Amino acid sequence: MPRVAVVGAKGFLGSALMRAFSRSSEYTAVAVTRENCEEMKKDSYDVLINCAMPSARFWAKQNPEKDFVETVEKTAKLLYGWSFKKFVQVSTVSARCQLDTVYGRHKAATEKLCDFDQHLIVRFGALYSQNMKKGVLVDMMQNKTVFVDGESRYCFADVDFAANWIASNLHRSGIVEVGGRNAMALKDVAKHIGSTGAFEGALDHQEIENPESDFPEASEVLLFLDNYVIPVEAGMTKNP
């Protein structure tokens, strides 16, 4: 059975990927973490999936050199230092639509590194799950200021959908954008949940190109939010 190494297996998407592969009869998944990375590097894999890149846009802006190391350099080390037949890079639509930002440029740079042979690059939009602890949805539910224009449209999708898509499409190659169809304006999401937080900033449309027919509707995020409870750790409060 083909062996798949999931780099970043403890992360938001990585943990969902491990769950998806646990249900698969086609692949055996191996978890790669910071703790076992050097040991796992010694082995060979049929597929190496990199979902360990940082996802904090503001942090990247404030720490461009560190973000370069965590994003571009670490991807290069996987590409050139590990043994595999196929490489899967988990990226973001920001690699296409946010090239005026540090975050978007670095994600685009990693795509350039990976875009050859039969490798697969998957660009996701905003992902959500019951385990999320940060991001635009959490900010709105906590009535915090969101630093983009409220008219910005996001292609929200459940993280389990994203993980299942990867696990079912390892045969594909090139760049594929995956997420919710018919992206929603953030102001409409805020209105639905009764958020009193403000929007400040430029338009930041994060829509996917050429959505496939089996992708979910972005509006499904509203039903999710109706039943979501923000984790109470770190002083966070329940959704009012």
Protein backbone atom coordinates (compact mmCIF):
# COMPACT_ATOMS: atom_id res chain seq x y z
CA MET A 1 0.00 0.00 0.00
CA PRO A 2 1.44 3.44 -0.95
CA ARG A 3 2.88 5.40 1.97
CA VAL A 4 1.98 9.06 2.45
CA ALA A 5 3.94 11.35 4.77
CA VAL A 6 1.93 14.26 6.17
CA VAL A 7 4.26 17.08 7.24
CA GLY A 8 2.53 19.19 9.86
CA ALA A 9 0.34 16.32 11.03
CA LYS A 10 -0.57 18.04 14.30
CA GLY A 11 -1.77 21.24 12.64
CA PHE A 12 -5.24 22.44 11.68
CA LEU A 13 -5.34 20.80 8.25
CA GLY A 14 -2.71 18.17 9.01
CA SER A 15 -4.73 16.58 11.79
CA ALA A 16 -7.80 16.51 9.50
CA LEU A 17 -5.66 14.84 6.82
CA MET A 18 -4.58 12.13 9.24
CA ARG A 19 -8.24 11.47 10.04
CA ALA A 20 -9.08 11.30 6.32
CA PHE A 21 -6.28 8.85 5.60
CA SER A 22 -7.27 6.71 8.58
CA ARG A 23 -10.51 5.98 6.67
CA SER A 24 -8.70 5.27 3.40
CA SER A 25 -8.09 1.79 2.06
CA GLU A 26 -5.70 3.10 -0.61
CA TYR A 27 -2.92 4.72 1.42
CA THR A 28 -1.03 4.36 4.67
CA ALA A 29 -0.38 7.75 6.28
CA VAL A 30 2.65 8.62 8.39
CA ALA A 31 2.56 11.64 10.72
CA VAL A 32 5.55 14.00 10.47
CA THR A 33 5.93 16.54 13.27
CA ARG A 34 8.61 18.87 14.57
CA GLU A 35 9.53 16.21 17.10
CA ASN A 36 10.16 13.33 14.66
CA CYS A 37 11.01 15.25 11.48
CA GLU A 38 14.72 14.37 11.36
CA GLU A 39 14.06 10.68 11.93
CA MET A 40 11.24 10.50 9.36
CA LYS A 41 13.45 12.24 6.81
CA LYS A 42 15.59 9.10 6.55
CA ASP A 43 12.76 7.08 4.99
CA SER A 44 11.24 7.09 1.49
CA TYR A 45 7.60 7.82 0.62
CA ASP A 46 5.28 7.50 -2.32
CA VAL A 47 3.71 10.89 -1.53
CA LEU A 48 5.04 13.73 0.62
CA ILE A 49 2.40 16.31 1.63
CA ASN A 50 3.51 19.67 3.01
CA CYS A 51 0.78 21.31 5.08
CA ALA A 52 3.10 22.85 7.65
CA MET A 53 3.42 26.39 6.32
CA PRO A 54 2.38 29.28 8.61
CA SER A 55 -1.03 30.82 7.97
CA ALA A 56 -0.77 34.12 9.86
CA ARG A 57 -0.92 37.03 7.41
CA PHE A 58 -0.30 39.78 9.98
CA TRP A 59 2.62 37.84 11.51
CA ALA A 60 4.16 37.46 8.06
CA LYS A 61 3.90 41.22 7.49
CA GLN A 62 5.61 41.94 10.80
CA ASN A 63 8.21 39.18 10.42
CA PRO A 64 9.01 38.87 6.70
CA GLU A 65 12.38 37.17 7.12
CA LYS A 66 11.05 34.61 9.58
CA ASP A 67 8.05 33.93 7.35
CA PHE A 68 10.41 33.37 4.41
CA VAL A 69 12.31 30.78 6.44
CA GLU A 70 9.16 29.03 7.66
CA THR A 71 7.49 29.11 4.24
CA VAL A 72 10.01 29.09 1.38
CA GLU A 73 13.15 27.65 2.93
CA LYS A 74 11.34 24.81 4.72
CA THR A 75 9.51 23.87 1.53
CA ALA A 76 12.83 23.79 -0.34
CA LYS A 77 14.33 21.52 2.34
CA LEU A 78 11.47 19.06 1.89
CA LEU A 79 11.75 19.13 -1.91
CA TYR A 80 15.49 18.66 -2.03
CA GLY A 81 16.22 16.79 1.18
CA TRP A 82 13.52 14.09 1.30
CA SER A 83 12.95 10.98 -0.81
CA PHE A 84 9.52 10.73 -2.48
CA LYS A 85 7.80 10.03 -5.79
CA LYS A 86 5.20 12.81 -5.63
CA PHE A 87 5.04 16.09 -3.75
CA VAL A 88 1.82 17.80 -2.66
CA GLN A 89 2.04 21.44 -1.59
CA VAL A 90 -0.86 22.82 0.43
CA SER A 91 -1.09 26.47 -0.58
CA THR A 92 -3.62 29.28 -0.53
CA VAL A 93 -5.53 31.47 -2.98
CA SER A 94 -3.39 34.29 -1.54
CA ALA A 95 -0.60 32.98 -3.79
CA ARG A 96 -2.65 34.35 -6.67
CA CYS A 97 -4.67 37.23 -5.28
CA GLN A 98 -2.41 38.74 -2.58
CA LEU A 99 0.88 39.24 -4.37
CA ASP A 100 1.08 42.72 -2.86
CA THR A 101 1.63 41.14 0.58
CA VAL A 102 4.55 39.30 2.18
CA TYR A 103 2.27 36.36 2.93
CA GLY A 104 1.03 36.03 -0.65
CA ARG A 105 4.45 36.48 -2.26
CA HIS A 106 6.04 33.82 -0.08
CA LYS A 107 3.23 31.35 -0.80
CA ALA A 108 3.63 32.07 -4.52
CA ALA A 109 7.38 31.48 -4.24
CA THR A 110 6.83 28.01 -2.77
CA GLU A 111 4.49 27.19 -5.64
CA LYS A 112 7.22 28.08 -8.13
CA LEU A 113 9.50 25.62 -6.37
CA CYS A 114 6.96 22.79 -6.58
CA ASP A 115 5.44 23.36 -10.02
CA PHE A 116 7.16 20.64 -12.04
CA ASP A 117 6.82 16.96 -12.91
CA GLN A 118 3.57 15.43 -11.62
CA HIS A 119 3.47 17.33 -8.33
CA LEU A 120 0.22 18.76 -7.00
CA ILE A 121 -0.36 22.24 -5.58
CA VAL A 122 -3.69 22.76 -3.80
CA ARG A 123 -4.82 26.31 -3.10
CA PHE A 124 -7.44 26.61 -0.37
CA GLY A 125 -9.50 29.56 0.76
CA ALA A 126 -10.68 30.11 4.33
CA LEU A 127 -11.20 26.82 6.17
CA TYR A 128 -13.26 26.26 9.29
CA SER A 129 -13.91 23.55 11.88
CA GLN A 130 -15.05 23.16 15.45
CA ASN A 131 -11.36 23.13 16.44
CA MET A 132 -10.48 26.55 15.00
CA LYS A 133 -9.16 29.03 17.54
CA LYS A 134 -8.25 32.00 15.34
CA GLY A 135 -9.06 33.62 12.02
CA VAL A 136 -11.64 35.95 10.54
CA LEU A 137 -14.62 33.87 11.70
CA VAL A 138 -13.44 33.78 15.31
CA ASP A 139 -12.70 37.51 15.20
CA MET A 140 -16.22 38.28 14.00
CA MET A 141 -17.79 36.03 16.61
CA GLN A 142 -15.79 37.81 19.32
CA ASN A 143 -16.88 41.20 17.93
CA LYS A 144 -13.31 42.13 17.13
CA THR A 145 -12.24 44.44 14.31
CA VAL A 146 -11.57 42.60 11.06
CA PHE A 147 -8.84 44.37 9.10
CA VAL A 148 -10.30 44.02 5.60
CA ASP A 149 -13.26 45.60 3.83
CA GLY A 150 -16.58 43.97 4.77
CA GLU A 151 -17.39 43.53 1.07
CA SER A 152 -14.48 41.07 0.78
CA ARG A 153 -15.70 37.68 -0.49
CA TYR A 154 -14.37 34.43 1.00
CA CYS A 155 -14.86 30.89 -0.30
CA PHE A 156 -15.39 29.24 3.10
CA ALA A 157 -15.10 25.45 3.29
CA ASP A 158 -15.02 22.87 6.06
CA VAL A 159 -11.53 21.58 6.87
CA ASP A 160 -12.72 17.96 6.69
CA PHE A 161 -13.92 18.58 3.14
CA ALA A 162 -10.47 20.00 2.33
CA ALA A 163 -8.69 17.00 3.84
CA ASN A 164 -10.97 14.48 2.14
CA TRP A 165 -10.42 16.24 -1.19
CA ILE A 166 -6.66 15.85 -0.91
CA ALA A 167 -6.90 12.22 0.19
CA SER A 168 -9.13 11.45 -2.81
CA ASN A 169 -7.19 13.39 -5.43
CA LEU A 170 -3.55 12.45 -5.02
CA HIS A 171 -3.58 11.28 -8.64
CA ARG A 172 -3.98 14.86 -9.87
CA SER A 173 -1.19 17.29 -10.73
CA GLY A 174 -0.63 20.97 -11.40
CA ILE A 175 -2.40 23.78 -9.51
CA VAL A 176 -5.96 23.26 -8.31
CA GLU A 177 -8.03 25.78 -6.34
CA VAL A 178 -10.41 24.17 -3.85
CA GLY A 179 -13.06 25.76 -1.66
CA GLY A 180 -16.64 26.88 -1.37
CA ARG A 181 -18.61 27.91 -4.45
CA ASN A 182 -20.32 31.32 -4.56
CA ALA A 183 -18.05 33.11 -2.09
CA MET A 184 -19.72 35.13 0.66
CA ALA A 185 -19.12 38.75 1.64
CA LEU A 186 -17.77 38.98 5.18
CA LYS A 187 -20.34 41.64 6.08
CA ASP A 188 -23.11 39.14 5.31
CA VAL A 189 -21.53 36.56 7.59
CA ALA A 190 -21.18 39.18 10.32
CA LYS A 191 -24.83 40.18 9.94
CA HIS A 192 -25.96 36.55 10.20
CA ILE A 193 -24.19 36.00 13.52
CA GLY A 194 -24.97 39.46 14.88
CA SER A 195 -21.34 40.57 15.12
CA THR A 196 -20.79 44.16 16.24
CA GLY A 197 -17.12 44.24 15.21
CA ALA A 198 -15.94 46.75 12.63
CA PHE A 199 -14.30 46.22 9.25
CA GLU A 200 -11.21 48.29 8.45
CA GLY A 201 -9.02 47.83 5.41
CA ALA A 202 -8.88 47.16 1.71
CA LEU A 203 -10.91 44.68 -0.33
CA ASP A 204 -9.51 41.17 0.08
CA HIS A 205 -11.45 38.86 -2.24
CA GLN A 206 -10.40 35.23 -1.69
CA GLU A 207 -12.51 33.45 -4.28
CA ILE A 208 -11.43 30.28 -6.02
CA GLU A 209 -11.21 30.05 -9.78
CA ASN A 210 -13.13 27.40 -11.72
CA PRO A 211 -14.89 25.69 -8.77
CA GLU A 212 -15.87 22.09 -9.49
CA SER A 213 -19.44 20.87 -9.27
CA ASP A 214 -18.90 18.76 -6.16
CA PHE A 215 -17.44 21.61 -4.11
CA PRO A 216 -19.66 22.78 -1.24
CA GLU A 217 -21.48 26.10 -1.14
CA ALA A 218 -19.60 28.76 0.83
CA SER A 219 -22.90 29.63 2.54
CA GLU A 220 -22.72 26.32 4.44
CA VAL A 221 -20.50 28.22 6.87
CA LEU A 222 -23.63 29.95 8.21
CA LEU A 223 -25.16 26.69 9.39
CA PHE A 224 -21.84 25.75 10.95
CA LEU A 225 -21.63 29.06 12.81
CA ASP A 226 -25.18 28.63 14.13
CA ASN A 227 -23.88 25.64 16.10
CA TYR A 228 -20.27 26.66 16.77
CA VAL A 229 -18.95 27.31 20.27
CA ILE A 230 -15.66 29.19 20.58
CA PRO A 231 -13.15 27.28 22.76
CA VAL A 232 -12.98 28.81 26.24
CA GLU A 233 -9.22 28.45 26.68
CA ALA A 234 -6.99 31.51 26.69
CA GLY A 235 -9.82 33.72 27.87
CA MET A 236 -12.02 33.07 24.85
CA THR A 237 -15.74 33.13 25.41
CA LYS A 238 -18.64 31.14 24.05
CA ASN A 239 -20.47 32.35 20.98
CA PRO A 240 -23.26 34.63 22.24
